[in-house]
Amino acid sequence: MNTLNLVLYSTDHCTMCEQALELLFSMPELQGSSLEVIDVGEDQALTELYGERLPVLSTGNTELDWPFDAKTVREAVAG
Protein backbone atom coordinates (compact mmCIF):
# COMPACT_ATOMS: atom_id res chain seq x y z
CA MET A 1 0.00 0.00 0.00
CA ASN A 2 1.29 3.45 -0.87
CA THR A 3 1.83 5.95 1.89
CA LEU A 4 -1.13 8.28 2.12
CA ASN A 5 -0.69 12.00 2.61
CA LEU A 6 -3.70 13.28 4.49
CA VAL A 7 -4.41 16.87 5.51
CA LEU A 8 -6.91 17.80 8.20
CA TYR A 9 -8.03 21.41 8.13
CA SER A 10 -8.86 22.29 11.70
CA THR A 11 -8.76 25.05 14.30
CA ASP A 12 -8.24 25.43 18.03
CA HIS A 13 -11.09 24.75 20.47
CA CYS A 14 -13.07 22.74 17.91
CA THR A 15 -14.73 19.67 19.42
CA MET A 16 -15.62 18.26 16.01
CA CYS A 17 -11.98 18.66 14.91
CA GLU A 18 -10.86 16.67 17.95
CA GLN A 19 -13.42 13.97 17.11
CA ALA A 20 -12.11 13.81 13.54
CA LEU A 21 -8.53 13.37 14.80
CA GLU A 22 -9.63 10.61 17.18
CA LEU A 23 -11.39 8.85 14.31
CA LEU A 24 -8.33 9.03 12.06
CA PHE A 25 -6.00 7.81 14.82
CA SER A 26 -8.36 4.90 15.53
CA MET A 27 -8.19 3.57 11.97
CA PRO A 28 -5.48 0.89 11.72
CA GLU A 29 -5.59 1.02 7.91
CA LEU A 30 -4.20 4.57 8.06
CA GLN A 31 -1.19 3.53 10.14
CA GLY A 32 1.97 4.64 8.37
CA SER A 33 0.19 7.45 6.56
CA SER A 34 1.27 11.04 6.98
CA LEU A 35 -1.24 13.39 8.56
CA GLU A 36 -0.74 17.14 8.49
CA VAL A 37 -3.07 19.21 10.65
CA ILE A 38 -3.45 22.75 9.38
CA ASP A 39 -4.95 25.41 11.66
CA VAL A 40 -7.01 27.57 9.32
CA GLY A 41 -7.06 30.31 11.95
CA GLU A 42 -3.48 31.10 10.95
CA ASP A 43 -4.44 31.98 7.36
CA GLN A 44 -7.29 34.29 6.33
CA ALA A 45 -7.73 32.64 2.92
CA LEU A 46 -8.02 29.18 4.50
CA THR A 47 -10.46 30.53 7.09
CA GLU A 48 -12.67 31.86 4.31
CA LEU A 49 -12.42 28.61 2.36
CA TYR A 50 -12.85 26.10 5.19
CA GLY A 51 -14.18 28.03 8.20
CA GLU A 52 -17.83 27.00 7.93
CA ARG A 53 -16.96 23.43 6.88
CA LEU A 54 -14.48 22.41 9.61
CA PRO A 55 -13.08 19.94 10.04
CA VAL A 56 -12.23 19.01 6.46
CA LEU A 57 -10.10 16.00 5.53
CA SER A 58 -8.18 16.14 2.27
CA THR A 59 -7.03 12.82 0.85
CA GLY A 60 -5.35 14.40 -2.15
CA ASN A 61 -8.16 13.58 -4.56
CA THR A 62 -11.11 14.22 -2.28
CA GLU A 63 -12.17 16.61 0.46
CA LEU A 64 -14.50 15.29 3.14
CA ASP A 65 -16.51 17.74 5.22
CA TRP A 66 -17.48 16.75 8.75
CA PRO A 67 -19.27 14.61 9.70
CA PHE A 68 -17.35 11.77 8.09
CA ASP A 69 -16.93 8.27 9.41
CA ALA A 70 -14.44 5.44 8.98
CA LYS A 71 -16.35 3.99 6.01
CA THR A 72 -16.35 7.32 4.18
CA VAL A 73 -12.62 7.81 4.87
CA ARG A 74 -11.84 4.29 3.63
CA GLU A 75 -13.76 4.94 0.41
CA ALA A 76 -12.01 8.27 -0.13
CA VAL A 77 -8.51 6.90 0.33
CA ALA A 78 -9.25 3.86 -1.83
CA GLY A 79 -9.89 5.84 -4.84
PDB file of N, CA and C in Angstrom:
ATOM      1  N   MET A   1       0.847  -1.184   0.000  1.00  0.00           N
ATOM      2  CA  MET A   1       0.000   0.000   0.000  1.00  0.00           C
ATOM      3  C   MET A   1       0.886   1.239   0.000  1.00  0.00           C
ATOM      4  N   ASN A   2       0.544   2.196  -0.826  1.00  0.00           N
ATOM      5  CA  ASN A   2       1.294   3.450  -0.868  1.00  0.00           C
ATOM      6  C   ASN A   2       1.018   4.265   0.385  1.00  0.00           C
ATOM      7  N   THR A   3       2.020   5.060   0.765  1.00  0.00           N
ATOM      8  CA  THR A   3       1.826   5.950   1.892  1.00  0.00           C
ATOM      9  C   THR A   3       0.843   7.037   1.513  1.00  0.00           C
ATOM     10  N   LEU A   4      -0.135   7.245   2.361  1.00  0.00           N
ATOM     11  CA  LEU A   4      -1.127   8.281   2.120  1.00  0.00           C
ATOM     12  C   LEU A   4      -0.667   9.585   2.747  1.00  0.00           C
ATOM     13  N   ASN A   5      -0.959  10.673   2.086  1.00  0.00           N
ATOM     14  CA  ASN A   5      -0.686  12.004   2.611  1.00  0.00           C
ATOM     15  C   ASN A   5      -2.022  12.675   2.854  1.00  0.00           C
ATOM     16  N   LEU A   6      -2.415  12.714   4.109  1.00  0.00           N
ATOM     17  CA  LEU A   6      -3.701  13.281   4.487  1.00  0.00           C
ATOM     18  C   LEU A   6      -3.490  14.649   5.113  1.00  0.00           C
ATOM     19  N   VAL A   7      -4.449  15.538   4.899  1.00  0.00           N
ATOM     20  CA  VAL A   7      -4.413  16.866   5.509  1.00  0.00           C
ATOM     21  C   VAL A   7      -5.754  17.080   6.196  1.00  0.00           C
ATOM     22  N   LEU A   8      -5.698  17.457   7.472  1.00  0.00           N
ATOM     23  CA  LEU A   8      -6.911  17.799   8.202  1.00  0.00           C
ATOM     24  C   LEU A   8      -6.895  19.294   8.470  1.00  0.00           C
ATOM     25  N   TYR A   9      -7.861  19.979   7.881  1.00  0.00           N
ATOM     26  CA  TYR A   9      -8.026  21.412   8.131  1.00  0.00           C
ATOM     27  C   TYR A   9      -8.854  21.541   9.400  1.00  0.00           C
ATOM     28  N   SER A  10      -8.325  22.273  10.356  1.00  0.00           N
ATOM     29  CA  SER A  10      -8.860  22.292  11.699  1.00  0.00           C
ATOM     30  C   SER A  10      -8.680  23.683  12.289  1.00  0.00           C
ATOM     31  N   THR A  11      -9.044  23.830  13.560  1.00  0.00           N
ATOM     32  CA  THR A  11      -8.760  25.048  14.297  1.00  0.00           C
ATOM     33  C   THR A  11      -8.793  24.727  15.783  1.00  0.00           C
ATOM     34  N   ASP A  12      -8.265  25.625  16.582  1.00  0.00           N
ATOM     35  CA  ASP A  12      -8.244  25.429  18.034  1.00  0.00           C
ATOM     36  C   ASP A  12      -9.658  25.454  18.602  1.00  0.00           C
ATOM     37  N   HIS A  13      -9.834  24.746  19.710  1.00  0.00           N
ATOM     38  CA  HIS A  13     -11.090  24.746  20.469  1.00  0.00           C
ATOM     39  C   HIS A  13     -12.275  24.279  19.629  1.00  0.00           C
ATOM     40  N   CYS A  14     -12.035  23.278  18.802  1.00  0.00           N
ATOM     41  CA  CYS A  14     -13.066  22.739  17.906  1.00  0.00           C
ATOM     42  C   CYS A  14     -13.305  21.277  18.289  1.00  0.00           C
ATOM     43  N   THR A  15     -14.415  21.019  18.967  1.00  0.00           N
ATOM     44  CA  THR A  15     -14.735  19.670  19.425  1.00  0.00           C
ATOM     45  C   THR A  15     -14.853  18.700  18.253  1.00  0.00           C
ATOM     46  N   MET A  16     -15.462  19.145  17.175  1.00  0.00           N
ATOM     47  CA  MET A  16     -15.615  18.262  16.011  1.00  0.00           C
ATOM     48  C   MET A  16     -14.253  17.938  15.396  1.00  0.00           C
ATOM     49  N   CYS A  17     -13.333  18.898  15.424  1.00  0.00           N
ATOM     50  CA  CYS A  17     -11.982  18.659  14.910  1.00  0.00           C
ATOM     51  C   CYS A  17     -11.273  17.602  15.747  1.00  0.00           C
ATOM     52  N   GLU A  18     -11.444  17.678  17.063  1.00  0.00           N
ATOM     53  CA  GLU A  18     -10.857  16.675  17.953  1.00  0.00           C
ATOM     54  C   GLU A  18     -11.456  15.295  17.680  1.00  0.00           C
ATOM     55  N   GLN A  19     -12.765  15.242  17.436  1.00  0.00           N
ATOM     56  CA  GLN A  19     -13.421  13.974  17.110  1.00  0.00           C
ATOM     57  C   GLN A  19     -12.885  13.405  15.801  1.00  0.00           C
ATOM     58  N   ALA A  20     -12.655  14.263  14.822  1.00  0.00           N
ATOM     59  CA  ALA A  20     -12.111  13.813  13.536  1.00  0.00           C
ATOM     60  C   ALA A  20     -10.717  13.224  13.726  1.00  0.00           C
ATOM     61  N   LEU A  21      -9.876  13.890  14.523  1.00  0.00           N
ATOM     62  CA  LEU A  21      -8.532  13.368  14.796  1.00  0.00           C
ATOM     63  C   LEU A  21      -8.603  12.012  15.489  1.00  0.00           C
ATOM     64  N   GLU A  22      -9.478  11.891  16.483  1.00  0.00           N
ATOM     65  CA  GLU A  22      -9.631  10.612  17.184  1.00  0.00           C
ATOM     66  C   GLU A  22     -10.042   9.511  16.214  1.00  0.00           C
ATOM     67  N   LEU A  23     -10.956   9.826  15.308  1.00  0.00           N
ATOM     68  CA  LEU A  23     -11.386   8.853  14.310  1.00  0.00           C
ATOM     69  C   LEU A  23     -10.204   8.411  13.450  1.00  0.00           C
ATOM     70  N   LEU A  24      -9.451   9.370  12.937  1.00  0.00           N
ATOM     71  CA  LEU A  24      -8.329   9.030  12.057  1.00  0.00           C
ATOM     72  C   LEU A  24      -7.279   8.201  12.790  1.00  0.00           C
ATOM     73  N   PHE A  25      -6.985   8.566  14.039  1.00  0.00           N
ATOM     74  CA  PHE A  25      -5.997   7.813  14.815  1.00  0.00           C
ATOM     75  C   PHE A  25      -6.489   6.416  15.182  1.00  0.00           C
ATOM     76  N   SER A  26      -7.801   6.204  15.175  1.00  0.00           N
ATOM     77  CA  SER A  26      -8.358   4.899  15.533  1.00  0.00           C
ATOM     78  C   SER A  26      -8.424   3.937  14.351  1.00  0.00           C
ATOM     79  N   MET A  27      -8.071   4.403  13.165  1.00  0.00           N
ATOM     80  CA  MET A  27      -8.194   3.572  11.969  1.00  0.00           C
ATOM     81  C   MET A  27      -6.860   2.889  11.652  1.00  0.00           C
ATOM     82  N   PRO A  28      -6.759   1.587  11.942  1.00  0.00           N
ATOM     83  CA  PRO A  28      -5.483   0.890  11.718  1.00  0.00           C
ATOM     84  C   PRO A  28      -5.026   0.920  10.261  1.00  0.00           C
ATOM     85  N   GLU A  29      -5.965   1.001   9.321  1.00  0.00           N
ATOM     86  CA  GLU A  29      -5.585   1.018   7.909  1.00  0.00           C
ATOM     87  C   GLU A  29      -4.870   2.301   7.505  1.00  0.00           C
ATOM     88  N   LEU A  30      -4.905   3.317   8.348  1.00  0.00           N
ATOM     89  CA  LEU A  30      -4.197   4.574   8.063  1.00  0.00           C
ATOM     90  C   LEU A  30      -2.820   4.614   8.719  1.00  0.00           C
ATOM     91  N   GLN A  31      -2.497   3.580   9.485  1.00  0.00           N
ATOM     92  CA  GLN A  31      -1.189   3.533  10.145  1.00  0.00           C
ATOM     93  C   GLN A  31      -0.089   3.607   9.089  1.00  0.00           C
ATOM     94  N   GLY A  32       0.892   4.449   9.322  1.00  0.00           N
ATOM     95  CA  GLY A  32       1.973   4.640   8.368  1.00  0.00           C
ATOM     96  C   GLY A  32       1.719   5.780   7.396  1.00  0.00           C
ATOM     97  N   SER A  33       0.508   6.307   7.409  1.00  0.00           N
ATOM     98  CA  SER A  33       0.185   7.454   6.559  1.00  0.00           C
ATOM     99  C   SER A  33       0.687   8.730   7.218  1.00  0.00           C
ATOM    100  N   SER A  34       0.915   9.748   6.402  1.00  0.00           N
ATOM    101  CA  SER A  34       1.265  11.040   6.983  1.00  0.00           C
ATOM    102  C   SER A  34      -0.011  11.847   7.154  1.00  0.00           C
ATOM    103  N   LEU A  35      -0.089  12.554   8.269  1.00  0.00           N
ATOM    104  CA  LEU A  35      -1.241  13.395   8.557  1.00  0.00           C
ATOM    105  C   LEU A  35      -0.733  14.761   8.965  1.00  0.00           C
ATOM    106  N   GLU A  36      -1.078  15.753   8.174  1.00  0.00           N
ATOM    107  CA  GLU A  36      -0.740  17.136   8.486  1.00  0.00           C
ATOM    108  C   GLU A  36      -2.009  17.819   8.963  1.00  0.00           C
ATOM    109  N   VAL A  37      -1.935  18.457  10.122  1.00  0.00           N
ATOM    110  CA  VAL A  37      -3.066  19.207  10.650  1.00  0.00           C
ATOM    111  C   VAL A  37      -2.765  20.685  10.440  1.00  0.00           C
ATOM    112  N   ILE A  38      -3.641  21.337   9.699  1.00  0.00           N
ATOM    113  CA  ILE A  38      -3.452  22.749   9.385  1.00  0.00           C
ATOM    114  C   ILE A  38      -4.510  23.561  10.120  1.00  0.00           C
ATOM    115  N   ASP A  39      -4.052  24.514  10.931  1.00  0.00           N
ATOM    116  CA  ASP A  39      -4.946  25.409  11.655  1.00  0.00           C
ATOM    117  C   ASP A  39      -5.330  26.552  10.727  1.00  0.00           C
ATOM    118  N   VAL A  40      -6.580  26.556  10.280  1.00  0.00           N
ATOM    119  CA  VAL A  40      -7.014  27.567   9.325  1.00  0.00           C
ATOM    120  C   VAL A  40      -7.056  28.960   9.948  1.00  0.00           C
ATOM    121  N   GLY A  41      -7.058  29.032  11.271  1.00  0.00           N
ATOM    122  CA  GLY A  41      -7.060  30.313  11.951  1.00  0.00           C
ATOM    123  C   GLY A  41      -5.796  31.113  11.724  1.00  0.00           C
ATOM    124  N   GLU A  42      -4.760  30.450  11.215  1.00  0.00           N
ATOM    125  CA  GLU A  42      -3.481  31.097  10.945  1.00  0.00           C
ATOM    126  C   GLU A  42      -3.438  31.753   9.564  1.00  0.00           C
ATOM    127  N   ASP A  43      -4.470  31.524   8.749  1.00  0.00           N
ATOM    128  CA  ASP A  43      -4.444  31.981   7.361  1.00  0.00           C
ATOM    129  C   ASP A  43      -5.843  32.449   6.961  1.00  0.00           C
ATOM    130  N   GLN A  44      -5.981  33.720   6.649  1.00  0.00           N
ATOM    131  CA  GLN A  44      -7.295  34.292   6.328  1.00  0.00           C
ATOM    132  C   GLN A  44      -7.949  33.607   5.127  1.00  0.00           C
ATOM    133  N   ALA A  45      -7.172  33.299   4.111  1.00  0.00           N
ATOM    134  CA  ALA A  45      -7.734  32.640   2.921  1.00  0.00           C
ATOM    135  C   ALA A  45      -8.276  31.257   3.271  1.00  0.00           C
ATOM    136  N   LEU A  46      -7.546  30.503   4.089  1.00  0.00           N
ATOM    137  CA  LEU A  46      -8.024  29.182   4.501  1.00  0.00           C
ATOM    138  C   LEU A  46      -9.254  29.294   5.390  1.00  0.00           C
ATOM    139  N   THR A  47      -9.283  30.318   6.242  1.00  0.00           N
ATOM    140  CA  THR A  47     -10.456  30.534   7.090  1.00  0.00           C
ATOM    141  C   THR A  47     -11.683  30.777   6.226  1.00  0.00           C
ATOM    142  N   GLU A  48     -11.542  31.591   5.201  1.00  0.00           N
ATOM    143  CA  GLU A  48     -12.668  31.863   4.305  1.00  0.00           C
ATOM    144  C   GLU A  48     -13.094  30.615   3.546  1.00  0.00           C
ATOM    145  N   LEU A  49     -12.129  29.805   3.142  1.00  0.00           N
ATOM    146  CA  LEU A  49     -12.421  28.609   2.358  1.00  0.00           C
ATOM    147  C   LEU A  49     -13.025  27.491   3.203  1.00  0.00           C
ATOM    148  N   TYR A  50     -12.464  27.264   4.395  1.00  0.00           N
ATOM    149  CA  TYR A  50     -12.847  26.101   5.194  1.00  0.00           C
ATOM    150  C   TYR A  50     -13.611  26.416   6.474  1.00  0.00           C
ATOM    151  N   GLY A  51     -13.656  27.673   6.892  1.00  0.00           N
ATOM    152  CA  GLY A  51     -14.182  28.026   8.201  1.00  0.00           C
ATOM    153  C   GLY A  51     -15.531  27.440   8.560  1.00  0.00           C
ATOM    154  N   GLU A  52     -16.485  27.508   7.653  1.00  0.00           N
ATOM    155  CA  GLU A  52     -17.827  26.997   7.930  1.00  0.00           C
ATOM    156  C   GLU A  52     -17.913  25.482   7.797  1.00  0.00           C
ATOM    157  N   ARG A  53     -16.901  24.869   7.201  1.00  0.00           N
ATOM    158  CA  ARG A  53     -16.958  23.434   6.884  1.00  0.00           C
ATOM    159  C   ARG A  53     -16.149  22.567   7.838  1.00  0.00           C
ATOM    160  N   LEU A  54     -15.429  23.147   8.769  1.00  0.00           N
ATOM    161  CA  LEU A  54     -14.475  22.412   9.607  1.00  0.00           C
ATOM    162  C   LEU A  54     -15.132  21.325  10.437  1.00  0.00           C
ATOM    163  N   PRO A  55     -14.366  20.254  10.650  1.00  0.00           N
ATOM    164  CA  PRO A  55     -13.085  19.936  10.044  1.00  0.00           C
ATOM    165  C   PRO A  55     -13.267  19.383   8.632  1.00  0.00           C
ATOM    166  N   VAL A  56     -12.226  19.527   7.829  1.00  0.00           N
ATOM    167  CA  VAL A  56     -12.230  19.012   6.463  1.00  0.00           C
ATOM    168  C   VAL A  56     -10.991  18.138   6.298  1.00  0.00           C
ATOM    169  N   LEU A  57     -11.197  16.924   5.789  1.00  0.00           N
ATOM    170  CA  LEU A  57     -10.097  15.998   5.535  1.00  0.00           C
ATOM    171  C   LEU A  57      -9.834  15.967   4.037  1.00  0.00           C
ATOM    172  N   SER A  58      -8.589  16.236   3.659  1.00  0.00           N
ATOM    173  CA  SER A  58      -8.183  16.139   2.267  1.00  0.00           C
ATOM    174  C   SER A  58      -7.349  14.878   2.091  1.00  0.00           C
ATOM    175  N   THR A  59      -7.754  14.054   1.133  1.00  0.00           N
ATOM    176  CA  THR A  59      -7.027  12.822   0.846  1.00  0.00           C
ATOM    177  C   THR A  59      -6.166  12.962  -0.400  1.00  0.00           C
ATOM    178  N   GLY A  60      -6.075  14.172  -0.914  1.00  0.00           N
ATOM    179  CA  GLY A  60      -5.347  14.401  -2.154  1.00  0.00           C
ATOM    180  C   GLY A  60      -6.302  14.529  -3.319  1.00  0.00           C
ATOM    181  N   ASN A  61      -7.188  13.553  -3.471  1.00  0.00           N
ATOM    182  CA  ASN A  61      -8.162  13.575  -4.556  1.00  0.00           C
ATOM    183  C   ASN A  61      -9.531  14.057  -4.100  1.00  0.00           C
ATOM    184  N   THR A  62      -9.783  13.970  -2.810  1.00  0.00           N
ATOM    185  CA  THR A  62     -11.111  14.215  -2.275  1.00  0.00           C
ATOM    186  C   THR A  62     -11.027  15.054  -1.014  1.00  0.00           C
ATOM    187  N   GLU A  63     -12.020  15.897  -0.806  1.00  0.00           N
ATOM    188  CA  GLU A  63     -12.168  16.606   0.459  1.00  0.00           C
ATOM    189  C   GLU A  63     -13.459  16.134   1.112  1.00  0.00           C
ATOM    190  N   LEU A  64     -13.343  15.740   2.370  1.00  0.00           N
ATOM    191  CA  LEU A  64     -14.502  15.295   3.136  1.00  0.00           C
ATOM    192  C   LEU A  64     -14.823  16.324   4.205  1.00  0.00           C
ATOM    193  N   ASP A  65     -16.036  16.846   4.168  1.00  0.00           N
ATOM    194  CA  ASP A  65     -16.508  17.740   5.219  1.00  0.00           C
ATOM    195  C   ASP A  65     -17.052  16.894   6.369  1.00  0.00           C
ATOM    196  N   TRP A  66     -16.924  17.411   7.582  1.00  0.00           N
ATOM    197  CA  TRP A  66     -17.483  16.748   8.747  1.00  0.00           C
ATOM    198  C   TRP A  66     -19.000  16.841   8.679  1.00  0.00           C
ATOM    199  N   PRO A  67     -19.744  15.823   9.048  1.00  0.00           N
ATOM    200  CA  PRO A  67     -19.275  14.613   9.697  1.00  0.00           C
ATOM    201  C   PRO A  67     -18.900  13.537   8.677  1.00  0.00           C
ATOM    202  N   PHE A  68     -17.733  12.940   8.869  1.00  0.00           N
ATOM    203  CA  PHE A  68     -17.345  11.772   8.086  1.00  0.00           C
ATOM    204  C   PHE A  68     -17.063  10.646   9.060  1.00  0.00           C
ATOM    205  N   ASP A  69     -17.154   9.431   8.556  1.00  0.00           N
ATOM    206  CA  ASP A  69     -16.926   8.268   9.407  1.00  0.00           C
ATOM    207  C   ASP A  69     -15.852   7.391   8.769  1.00  0.00           C
ATOM    208  N   ALA A  70     -15.511   6.310   9.454  1.00  0.00           N
ATOM    209  CA  ALA A  70     -14.438   5.439   8.983  1.00  0.00           C
ATOM    210  C   ALA A  70     -14.736   4.894   7.589  1.00  0.00           C
ATOM    211  N   LYS A  71     -15.980   4.527   7.329  1.00  0.00           N
ATOM    212  CA  LYS A  71     -16.350   3.986   6.011  1.00  0.00           C
ATOM    213  C   LYS A  71     -16.101   5.025   4.919  1.00  0.00           C
ATOM    214  N   THR A  72     -16.516   6.258   5.166  1.00  0.00           N
ATOM    215  CA  THR A  72     -16.346   7.320   4.182  1.00  0.00           C
ATOM    216  C   THR A  72     -14.861   7.593   3.935  1.00  0.00           C
ATOM    217  N   VAL A  73     -14.068   7.593   5.008  1.00  0.00           N
ATOM    218  CA  VAL A  73     -12.618   7.811   4.866  1.00  0.00           C
ATOM    219  C   VAL A  73     -12.002   6.689   4.064  1.00  0.00           C
ATOM    220  N   ARG A  74     -12.368   5.441   4.373  1.00  0.00           N
ATOM    221  CA  ARG A  74     -11.836   4.288   3.628  1.00  0.00           C
ATOM    222  C   ARG A  74     -12.138   4.419   2.144  1.00  0.00           C
ATOM    223  N   GLU A  75     -13.362   4.787   1.819  1.00  0.00           N
ATOM    224  CA  GLU A  75     -13.764   4.940   0.412  1.00  0.00           C
ATOM    225  C   GLU A  75     -12.965   6.056  -0.259  1.00  0.00           C
ATOM    226  N   ALA A  76     -12.738   7.139   0.442  1.00  0.00           N
ATOM    227  CA  ALA A  76     -12.008   8.274  -0.133  1.00  0.00           C
ATOM    228  C   ALA A  76     -10.555   7.935  -0.391  1.00  0.00           C
ATOM    229  N   VAL A  77      -9.921   7.217   0.520  1.00  0.00           N
ATOM    230  CA  VAL A  77      -8.508   6.899   0.327  1.00  0.00           C
ATOM    231  C   VAL A  77      -8.307   5.758  -0.658  1.00  0.00           C
ATOM    232  N   ALA A  78      -9.353   4.972  -0.885  1.00  0.00           N
ATOM    233  CA  ALA A  78      -9.255   3.861  -1.833  1.00  0.00           C
ATOM    234  C   ALA A  78      -9.308   4.346  -3.278  1.00  0.00           C
ATOM    235  N   GLY A  79      -9.874   5.529  -3.470  1.00  0.00           N
ATOM    236  CA  GLY A  79      -9.888   5.845  -4.843  1.00  0.00           C
ATOM    237  C   GLY A  79     -10.471   7.059  -5.333  1.00  0.00           C
TER     238      GLY A  79
END
